[in-house]
Amino acid sequence: MSETSEKSFGTIIGFHLLENGYLNVPKNGFDREHGDFGIVHQ
């Protein structure tokens, strides 16, 4: 798969997930110490 096709595939999958209930969490949003996305569960 070419790099362009792979990026397009990732974009489509990401859009689908966000449209169906997934949340976009910042990369630093995962708390490794507690093993959760504390920023989301405020």
N, C-alpha and C. Protein backbone atom coordinates (compact mmCIF):
# COMPACT_ATOMS: atom_id res chain seq x y z
N MET A 1 0.86 -1.17 0.00
CA MET A 1 0.00 0.00 0.00
C MET A 1 0.90 1.23 0.00
N SER A 2 0.60 2.20 -0.83
CA SER A 2 1.41 3.40 -0.87
C SER A 2 1.16 4.25 0.38
N GLU A 3 2.11 5.13 0.67
CA GLU A 3 1.98 5.99 1.85
C GLU A 3 0.73 6.86 1.76
N THR A 4 0.41 7.34 0.58
CA THR A 4 -0.78 8.17 0.39
C THR A 4 -2.05 7.37 0.66
N SER A 5 -2.11 6.15 0.14
CA SER A 5 -3.28 5.30 0.38
C SER A 5 -3.43 4.98 1.86
N GLU A 6 -2.31 4.72 2.54
CA GLU A 6 -2.36 4.40 3.96
C GLU A 6 -2.86 5.59 4.78
N LYS A 7 -2.42 6.80 4.45
CA LYS A 7 -2.90 8.00 5.15
C LYS A 7 -4.40 8.20 4.90
N SER A 8 -4.83 7.99 3.67
CA SER A 8 -6.25 8.14 3.35
C SER A 8 -7.08 7.12 4.12
N PHE A 9 -6.61 5.89 4.18
CA PHE A 9 -7.30 4.84 4.93
C PHE A 9 -7.42 5.24 6.40
N GLY A 10 -6.32 5.72 6.99
CA GLY A 10 -6.33 6.15 8.39
C GLY A 10 -7.30 7.29 8.63
N THR A 11 -7.37 8.22 7.70
CA THR A 11 -8.28 9.35 7.81
C THR A 11 -9.74 8.87 7.78
N ILE A 12 -10.05 7.98 6.88
CA ILE A 12 -11.42 7.46 6.77
C ILE A 12 -11.82 6.69 8.02
N ILE A 13 -10.92 5.83 8.52
CA ILE A 13 -11.21 5.06 9.72
C ILE A 13 -11.40 6.00 10.91
N GLY A 14 -10.52 6.99 11.05
CA GLY A 14 -10.64 7.95 12.14
C GLY A 14 -11.95 8.71 12.09
N PHE A 15 -12.35 9.14 10.92
CA PHE A 15 -13.62 9.85 10.76
C PHE A 15 -14.78 8.96 11.16
N HIS A 16 -14.76 7.71 10.71
CA HIS A 16 -15.84 6.77 11.04
C HIS A 16 -15.94 6.57 12.55
N LEU A 17 -14.80 6.37 13.22
CA LEU A 17 -14.82 6.16 14.67
C LEU A 17 -15.37 7.38 15.40
N LEU A 18 -14.95 8.57 15.01
CA LEU A 18 -15.42 9.79 15.67
C LEU A 18 -16.91 10.01 15.44
N GLU A 19 -17.40 9.64 14.28
CA GLU A 19 -18.82 9.79 13.98
C GLU A 19 -19.68 8.77 14.73
N ASN A 20 -19.06 7.74 15.27
CA ASN A 20 -19.80 6.66 15.91
C ASN A 20 -19.47 6.52 17.39
N GLY A 21 -19.17 7.63 18.04
CA GLY A 21 -19.06 7.63 19.50
C GLY A 21 -17.67 7.67 20.10
N TYR A 22 -16.63 7.48 19.31
CA TYR A 22 -15.29 7.55 19.87
C TYR A 22 -14.92 9.01 20.11
N LEU A 23 -14.04 9.25 21.06
CA LEU A 23 -13.59 10.59 21.39
C LEU A 23 -12.16 10.80 20.92
N ASN A 24 -11.86 12.00 20.48
CA ASN A 24 -10.50 12.36 20.09
C ASN A 24 -9.79 12.83 21.35
N VAL A 25 -8.85 12.04 21.85
CA VAL A 25 -8.13 12.35 23.09
C VAL A 25 -6.72 12.78 22.73
N PRO A 26 -6.23 13.86 23.35
CA PRO A 26 -4.86 14.29 23.08
C PRO A 26 -3.86 13.18 23.43
N LYS A 27 -2.72 13.16 22.75
CA LYS A 27 -1.72 12.12 22.98
C LYS A 27 -1.30 12.04 24.44
N ASN A 28 -1.29 13.16 25.12
CA ASN A 28 -0.89 13.15 26.54
C ASN A 28 -2.09 12.93 27.47
N GLY A 29 -3.23 12.55 26.93
CA GLY A 29 -4.44 12.35 27.72
C GLY A 29 -4.50 11.03 28.47
N PHE A 30 -3.59 10.10 28.15
CA PHE A 30 -3.60 8.80 28.84
C PHE A 30 -2.70 8.86 30.06
N ASP A 31 -3.24 8.53 31.22
CA ASP A 31 -2.49 8.53 32.48
C ASP A 31 -1.90 7.14 32.69
N ARG A 32 -0.60 6.97 32.40
CA ARG A 32 0.04 5.66 32.50
C ARG A 32 0.07 5.16 33.94
N GLU A 33 0.19 6.06 34.89
CA GLU A 33 0.25 5.64 36.30
C GLU A 33 -1.05 4.97 36.75
N HIS A 34 -2.18 5.54 36.31
CA HIS A 34 -3.47 5.01 36.72
C HIS A 34 -4.13 4.14 35.64
N GLY A 35 -3.54 4.12 34.45
CA GLY A 35 -4.05 3.26 33.38
C GLY A 35 -5.40 3.69 32.84
N ASP A 36 -5.65 5.00 32.78
CA ASP A 36 -6.92 5.46 32.23
C ASP A 36 -6.78 6.78 31.51
N PHE A 37 -7.88 7.20 30.93
CA PHE A 37 -7.93 8.49 30.23
C PHE A 37 -8.61 9.48 31.16
N GLY A 38 -7.99 9.78 32.28
CA GLY A 38 -8.55 10.66 33.31
C GLY A 38 -9.07 11.97 32.79
N ILE A 39 -8.43 12.50 31.77
CA ILE A 39 -8.85 13.78 31.20
C ILE A 39 -10.27 13.68 30.63
N VAL A 40 -10.66 12.49 30.17
CA VAL A 40 -11.98 12.28 29.59
C VAL A 40 -13.03 12.08 30.67
N HIS A 41 -12.65 11.48 31.78
CA HIS A 41 -13.60 11.11 32.84
C HIS A 41 -13.80 12.18 33.90
N GLN A 42 -13.41 13.38 33.67
CA GLN A 42 -13.47 14.45 34.67
C GLN A 42 -14.78 14.52 35.27
